[in-house]
Amino acid sequence: MDRILRPEGTVILRDEVDVLNKVRKIVGGMRWDAKIMDHEDGPLVPEKILVVVKQYWVAGSGNSTSSDE
């Protein structure tokens, strides 16, 4: 998915919290921003939503991202 998604593109996943936490750990290693949100039916629903945004970054000195400027 990393090669398909353009920088600053968004992925929305909906699943159980334990699955989303595993995905969140992986996307963190790819330098994507991730945020888990409650289901639209409320916080008591075991299914959550993970919103992930691929960041624009350039390899080199310090590996800076676009948000570091």
N, C-alpha and C. Protein backbone atom coordinates (compact mmCIF):
# COMPACT_ATOMS: atom_id res chain seq x y z
N MET A 1 0.82 -1.19 0.00
CA MET A 1 0.00 0.00 0.00
C MET A 1 0.86 1.26 0.00
N ASP A 2 2.06 1.16 0.57
CA ASP A 2 2.95 2.31 0.64
C ASP A 2 3.31 2.82 -0.75
N ARG A 3 3.48 1.92 -1.71
CA ARG A 3 3.84 2.32 -3.07
C ARG A 3 2.65 2.87 -3.84
N ILE A 4 1.46 2.46 -3.49
CA ILE A 4 0.26 2.90 -4.21
C ILE A 4 -0.20 4.27 -3.73
N LEU A 5 -0.16 4.48 -2.42
CA LEU A 5 -0.69 5.71 -1.83
C LEU A 5 0.28 6.86 -2.01
N ARG A 6 -0.23 7.98 -2.48
CA ARG A 6 0.60 9.17 -2.66
C ARG A 6 0.88 9.83 -1.31
N PRO A 7 1.96 10.62 -1.23
CA PRO A 7 2.21 11.36 0.01
C PRO A 7 1.01 12.23 0.38
N GLU A 8 0.71 12.26 1.66
CA GLU A 8 -0.41 12.98 2.25
C GLU A 8 -1.75 12.37 1.85
N GLY A 9 -1.72 11.11 1.36
CA GLY A 9 -2.94 10.37 1.08
C GLY A 9 -3.46 9.75 2.36
N THR A 10 -4.73 9.38 2.39
CA THR A 10 -5.37 8.88 3.60
C THR A 10 -5.93 7.48 3.40
N VAL A 11 -5.80 6.67 4.44
CA VAL A 11 -6.40 5.33 4.48
C VAL A 11 -7.30 5.28 5.71
N ILE A 12 -8.50 4.73 5.53
CA ILE A 12 -9.43 4.59 6.65
C ILE A 12 -9.73 3.11 6.82
N LEU A 13 -9.45 2.59 8.02
CA LEU A 13 -9.68 1.18 8.34
C LEU A 13 -10.68 1.08 9.47
N ARG A 14 -11.52 0.06 9.41
CA ARG A 14 -12.52 -0.15 10.45
C ARG A 14 -12.45 -1.60 10.91
N ASP A 15 -12.14 -1.81 12.19
CA ASP A 15 -11.99 -3.17 12.69
C ASP A 15 -11.97 -3.14 14.22
N GLU A 16 -11.71 -4.30 14.82
CA GLU A 16 -11.58 -4.42 16.27
C GLU A 16 -10.33 -3.66 16.73
N VAL A 17 -10.34 -3.21 17.97
CA VAL A 17 -9.25 -2.40 18.51
C VAL A 17 -7.91 -3.12 18.48
N ASP A 18 -7.88 -4.41 18.82
CA ASP A 18 -6.61 -5.12 18.83
C ASP A 18 -5.98 -5.21 17.44
N VAL A 19 -6.78 -5.37 16.42
CA VAL A 19 -6.27 -5.40 15.04
C VAL A 19 -5.75 -4.02 14.65
N LEU A 20 -6.50 -2.98 14.98
CA LEU A 20 -6.09 -1.61 14.63
C LEU A 20 -4.81 -1.21 15.36
N ASN A 21 -4.62 -1.68 16.58
CA ASN A 21 -3.37 -1.39 17.30
C ASN A 21 -2.18 -2.03 16.62
N LYS A 22 -2.35 -3.23 16.09
CA LYS A 22 -1.26 -3.88 15.35
C LYS A 22 -0.94 -3.11 14.07
N VAL A 23 -1.97 -2.68 13.36
CA VAL A 23 -1.77 -1.90 12.13
C VAL A 23 -1.12 -0.56 12.47
N ARG A 24 -1.56 0.05 13.55
CA ARG A 24 -0.99 1.35 13.97
C ARG A 24 0.50 1.24 14.25
N LYS A 25 0.93 0.14 14.83
CA LYS A 25 2.35 -0.08 15.11
C LYS A 25 3.14 -0.19 13.80
N ILE A 26 2.58 -0.88 12.82
CA ILE A 26 3.25 -1.04 11.52
C ILE A 26 3.35 0.29 10.79
N VAL A 27 2.25 1.04 10.72
CA VAL A 27 2.28 2.31 9.97
C VAL A 27 3.14 3.35 10.67
N GLY A 28 3.29 3.23 11.98
CA GLY A 28 4.21 4.12 12.68
C GLY A 28 5.64 3.92 12.22
N GLY A 29 6.00 2.68 11.93
CA GLY A 29 7.33 2.37 11.41
C GLY A 29 7.54 2.88 10.00
N MET A 30 6.45 3.11 9.28
CA MET A 30 6.54 3.65 7.93
C MET A 30 6.43 5.17 7.91
N ARG A 31 6.43 5.76 9.11
CA ARG A 31 6.34 7.21 9.29
C ARG A 31 5.02 7.80 8.79
N TRP A 32 3.95 7.05 8.98
CA TRP A 32 2.62 7.55 8.68
C TRP A 32 2.00 8.02 9.99
N ASP A 33 1.15 9.03 9.93
CA ASP A 33 0.42 9.49 11.12
C ASP A 33 -0.85 8.67 11.25
N ALA A 34 -1.13 8.19 12.47
CA ALA A 34 -2.30 7.34 12.70
C ALA A 34 -3.09 7.84 13.90
N LYS A 35 -4.41 7.73 13.78
CA LYS A 35 -5.29 8.15 14.87
C LYS A 35 -6.48 7.20 14.93
N ILE A 36 -6.74 6.64 16.12
CA ILE A 36 -7.89 5.76 16.31
C ILE A 36 -9.06 6.59 16.83
N MET A 37 -10.21 6.41 16.18
CA MET A 37 -11.42 7.16 16.54
C MET A 37 -12.53 6.19 16.92
N ASP A 38 -13.50 6.68 17.69
CA ASP A 38 -14.65 5.87 18.07
C ASP A 38 -15.57 5.61 16.89
N HIS A 39 -16.31 4.54 16.98
CA HIS A 39 -17.34 4.18 16.01
C HIS A 39 -18.43 5.24 16.04
N GLU A 40 -19.15 5.42 14.94
CA GLU A 40 -20.20 6.44 14.91
C GLU A 40 -21.36 6.14 15.85
N ASP A 41 -21.47 4.87 16.29
CA ASP A 41 -22.52 4.51 17.24
C ASP A 41 -22.11 4.74 18.70
N GLY A 42 -20.90 5.24 18.93
CA GLY A 42 -20.46 5.57 20.28
C GLY A 42 -19.21 4.83 20.70
N PRO A 43 -18.65 5.25 21.85
CA PRO A 43 -17.40 4.67 22.33
C PRO A 43 -17.52 3.26 22.90
N LEU A 44 -18.73 2.79 23.17
CA LEU A 44 -18.91 1.47 23.75
C LEU A 44 -18.90 0.35 22.71
N VAL A 45 -18.92 0.71 21.43
CA VAL A 45 -18.87 -0.28 20.35
C VAL A 45 -17.43 -0.78 20.23
N PRO A 46 -17.20 -2.11 20.22
CA PRO A 46 -15.82 -2.63 20.17
C PRO A 46 -15.09 -2.34 18.86
N GLU A 47 -15.83 -2.03 17.82
CA GLU A 47 -15.23 -1.71 16.53
C GLU A 47 -14.83 -0.23 16.53
N LYS A 48 -13.63 0.06 16.08
CA LYS A 48 -13.13 1.43 16.02
C LYS A 48 -12.69 1.77 14.60
N ILE A 49 -12.32 3.00 14.37
CA ILE A 49 -11.89 3.47 13.06
C ILE A 49 -10.47 4.01 13.18
N LEU A 50 -9.59 3.57 12.29
CA LEU A 50 -8.21 4.04 12.25
C LEU A 50 -8.04 4.88 10.99
N VAL A 51 -7.64 6.13 11.18
CA VAL A 51 -7.37 7.05 10.07
C VAL A 51 -5.87 7.23 9.99
N VAL A 52 -5.30 6.91 8.83
CA VAL A 52 -3.86 6.95 8.64
C VAL A 52 -3.54 7.88 7.48
N VAL A 53 -2.55 8.76 7.67
CA VAL A 53 -2.13 9.69 6.63
C VAL A 53 -0.65 9.46 6.33
N LYS A 54 -0.36 9.18 5.06
CA LYS A 54 1.03 8.99 4.65
C LYS A 54 1.69 10.36 4.56
N GLN A 55 2.82 10.49 5.24
CA GLN A 55 3.54 11.75 5.26
C GLN A 55 4.53 11.85 4.12
N TYR A 56 4.81 13.05 3.69
CA TYR A 56 5.82 13.30 2.68
C TYR A 56 7.14 13.47 3.39
N TRP A 57 8.13 12.66 3.03
CA TRP A 57 9.45 12.80 3.64
C TRP A 57 10.51 12.47 2.61
N VAL A 58 11.67 13.06 2.83
CA VAL A 58 12.80 12.89 1.93
C VAL A 58 13.95 12.28 2.72
N ALA A 59 14.52 11.20 2.21
CA ALA A 59 15.67 10.58 2.86
C ALA A 59 16.88 11.50 2.71
N GLY A 60 17.69 11.53 3.71
CA GLY A 60 18.88 12.37 3.66
C GLY A 60 19.24 12.81 5.06
N SER A 61 19.80 13.98 5.17
CA SER A 61 20.25 14.48 6.47
C SER A 61 19.06 14.71 7.40
N GLY A 62 18.99 13.87 8.42
CA GLY A 62 17.92 14.02 9.41
C GLY A 62 16.60 13.40 9.01
N ASN A 63 16.45 12.94 7.77
CA ASN A 63 15.20 12.37 7.28
C ASN A 63 14.00 13.24 7.66
N SER A 64 14.06 14.52 7.31
CA SER A 64 13.00 15.45 7.70
C SER A 64 11.71 15.18 6.94
N THR A 65 10.60 15.48 7.59
CA THR A 65 9.28 15.36 6.96
C THR A 65 8.79 16.75 6.61
N SER A 66 7.70 16.80 5.87
CA SER A 66 7.15 18.10 5.47
C SER A 66 6.68 18.89 6.68
N SER A 67 6.29 18.21 7.78
CA SER A 67 5.81 18.92 8.96
C SER A 67 6.96 19.45 9.82
N ASP A 68 8.20 19.06 9.52
CA ASP A 68 9.36 19.52 10.30
C ASP A 68 9.86 20.89 9.85
N GLU A 69 9.37 21.38 8.73
CA GLU A 69 9.91 22.63 8.17
C GLU A 69 9.60 23.84 8.99
